[in-house]
Amino acid sequence: IIWSKNPILTATTALVLLSLGGLPPLTGFMPKWLILQELTKQSLPIAATIMALAALLSLYFYLRLCYAMTLTISPNTASSATPWRVQTTQASLPLALTTTLALGLLPMTPAIVMLVT
């Protein structure tokens, strides 16, 4: 399980994948929602339905990637004590923190701009 090797980077990668899939609290949801709203306003229900189904398909794909990345056991063909993945020496906390803040704050940017001006 990669979760035990580097939990911060794994959680950040899962958040990025779910944002690409368009889950509501994350950044990728709002563009899809606005496009679906505009398609329904323009009286294009078939295009909106096809887009919503395609979004569900991509969300399923990203959820499967998250599952495979976090919850499945890594392949171990050798019976040695060394892990199959070499431990990295790079600090992943700054990258994880920046990505998480961007995914969390980006959807609120229009509201923040309206409050400031």
Protein backbone atom coordinates (compact mmCIF):
# COMPACT_ATOMS: atom_id res chain seq x y z
CA ILE A 1 0.00 0.00 0.00
CA ILE A 2 1.52 3.31 -1.05
CA TRP A 3 -0.45 5.01 1.73
CA SER A 4 2.01 3.70 4.31
CA LYS A 5 5.04 4.92 2.32
CA ASN A 6 4.02 8.55 1.74
CA PRO A 7 0.56 9.43 3.11
CA ILE A 8 0.66 13.17 2.43
CA LEU A 9 1.54 12.80 -1.22
CA THR A 10 -0.99 9.99 -1.63
CA ALA A 11 -3.80 12.08 -0.14
CA THR A 12 -2.86 15.06 -2.30
CA THR A 13 -2.78 12.94 -5.44
CA ALA A 14 -6.19 11.50 -4.57
CA LEU A 15 -7.56 15.04 -4.10
CA VAL A 16 -6.18 16.12 -7.47
CA LEU A 17 -7.70 13.09 -9.20
CA LEU A 18 -11.08 13.65 -7.56
CA SER A 19 -10.93 17.32 -8.52
CA LEU A 20 -10.32 16.27 -12.13
CA GLY A 21 -13.36 14.04 -11.80
CA GLY A 22 -15.46 17.03 -10.73
CA LEU A 23 -16.57 16.28 -7.18
CA PRO A 24 -18.57 19.22 -5.75
CA PRO A 25 -16.31 20.66 -3.03
CA LEU A 26 -13.26 20.66 -5.31
CA THR A 27 -12.11 22.93 -8.13
CA GLY A 28 -13.10 20.75 -11.08
CA PHE A 29 -16.80 20.81 -10.22
CA MET A 30 -17.58 24.45 -10.93
CA PRO A 31 -16.58 24.59 -14.61
CA LYS A 32 -18.62 21.47 -15.34
CA TRP A 33 -21.60 22.86 -13.46
CA LEU A 34 -21.47 26.21 -15.27
CA ILE A 35 -21.21 24.52 -18.67
CA LEU A 36 -24.17 22.26 -17.85
CA GLN A 37 -26.21 25.28 -16.75
CA GLU A 38 -25.40 27.16 -19.94
CA LEU A 39 -26.27 24.16 -22.10
CA THR A 40 -29.68 23.87 -20.44
CA LYS A 41 -30.28 27.63 -20.79
CA GLN A 42 -29.49 27.37 -24.51
CA SER A 43 -32.08 24.56 -24.87
CA LEU A 44 -29.52 21.84 -25.56
CA PRO A 45 -30.63 19.04 -23.24
CA ILE A 46 -29.10 16.23 -25.30
CA ALA A 47 -25.65 17.84 -25.21
CA ALA A 48 -26.03 18.49 -21.48
CA THR A 49 -27.02 14.88 -20.86
CA ILE A 50 -24.09 13.54 -22.90
CA MET A 51 -21.71 15.84 -21.03
CA ALA A 52 -23.10 14.78 -17.63
CA LEU A 53 -22.75 11.11 -18.54
CA ALA A 54 -19.19 11.70 -19.76
CA ALA A 55 -18.41 13.46 -16.46
CA LEU A 56 -19.74 10.46 -14.55
CA LEU A 57 -17.60 8.15 -16.66
CA SER A 58 -14.47 10.19 -15.97
CA LEU A 59 -15.32 10.33 -12.26
CA TYR A 60 -15.59 6.54 -12.23
CA PHE A 61 -12.17 6.30 -13.90
CA TYR A 62 -10.55 8.66 -11.37
CA LEU A 63 -12.19 6.86 -8.45
CA ARG A 64 -10.75 3.57 -9.70
CA LEU A 65 -7.31 5.19 -9.91
CA CYS A 66 -7.65 6.48 -6.33
CA TYR A 67 -8.71 3.04 -5.15
CA ALA A 68 -5.82 1.32 -6.90
CA MET A 69 -3.36 3.87 -5.59
CA THR A 70 -4.41 3.91 -1.95
CA LEU A 71 -6.08 0.62 -1.07
CA THR A 72 -4.41 -2.11 -3.09
CA ILE A 73 -1.28 -3.95 -2.10
CA SER A 74 1.84 -3.40 -4.13
CA PRO A 75 3.28 -6.30 -6.14
CA ASN A 76 5.84 -8.28 -4.17
CA THR A 77 7.45 -11.03 -6.20
CA ALA A 78 10.71 -11.24 -4.25
CA SER A 79 10.79 -12.53 -0.72
CA SER A 80 13.30 -9.96 0.50
CA ALA A 81 12.95 -7.46 3.30
CA THR A 82 13.51 -4.43 1.06
CA PRO A 83 10.43 -2.51 -0.05
CA TRP A 84 9.57 -2.53 -3.74
CA ARG A 85 9.60 1.26 -3.81
CA VAL A 86 12.69 3.23 -2.85
CA GLN A 87 12.12 5.82 -0.13
CA THR A 88 12.42 9.36 -1.49
CA THR A 89 14.49 12.01 0.20
CA GLN A 90 12.52 14.95 -1.20
CA ALA A 91 10.11 16.77 1.07
CA SER A 92 6.58 16.34 -0.27
CA LEU A 93 4.87 18.49 2.38
CA PRO A 94 5.24 21.84 0.53
CA LEU A 95 3.84 20.36 -2.68
CA ALA A 96 0.97 18.68 -0.85
CA LEU A 97 0.12 21.82 1.13
CA THR A 98 0.19 24.08 -1.93
CA THR A 99 -1.94 21.71 -3.99
CA THR A 100 -4.49 21.28 -1.21
CA LEU A 101 -4.77 25.03 -0.66
CA ALA A 102 -5.18 25.62 -4.40
CA LEU A 103 -7.90 22.99 -4.67
CA GLY A 104 -9.71 24.34 -1.63
CA LEU A 105 -9.40 28.08 -2.24
CA LEU A 106 -9.74 28.30 -6.01
CA PRO A 107 -13.53 27.70 -6.04
CA MET A 108 -13.96 30.51 -3.49
CA THR A 109 -11.91 33.05 -5.47
CA PRO A 110 -14.92 34.88 -7.03
CA ALA A 111 -16.53 35.29 -3.60
CA ILE A 112 -13.29 36.58 -2.09
CA VAL A 113 -12.83 39.06 -4.94
CA MET A 114 -16.39 40.33 -4.50
CA LEU A 115 -15.85 40.80 -0.75
CA VAL A 116 -12.58 42.68 -1.22
CA THR A 117 -13.81 45.08 -3.92
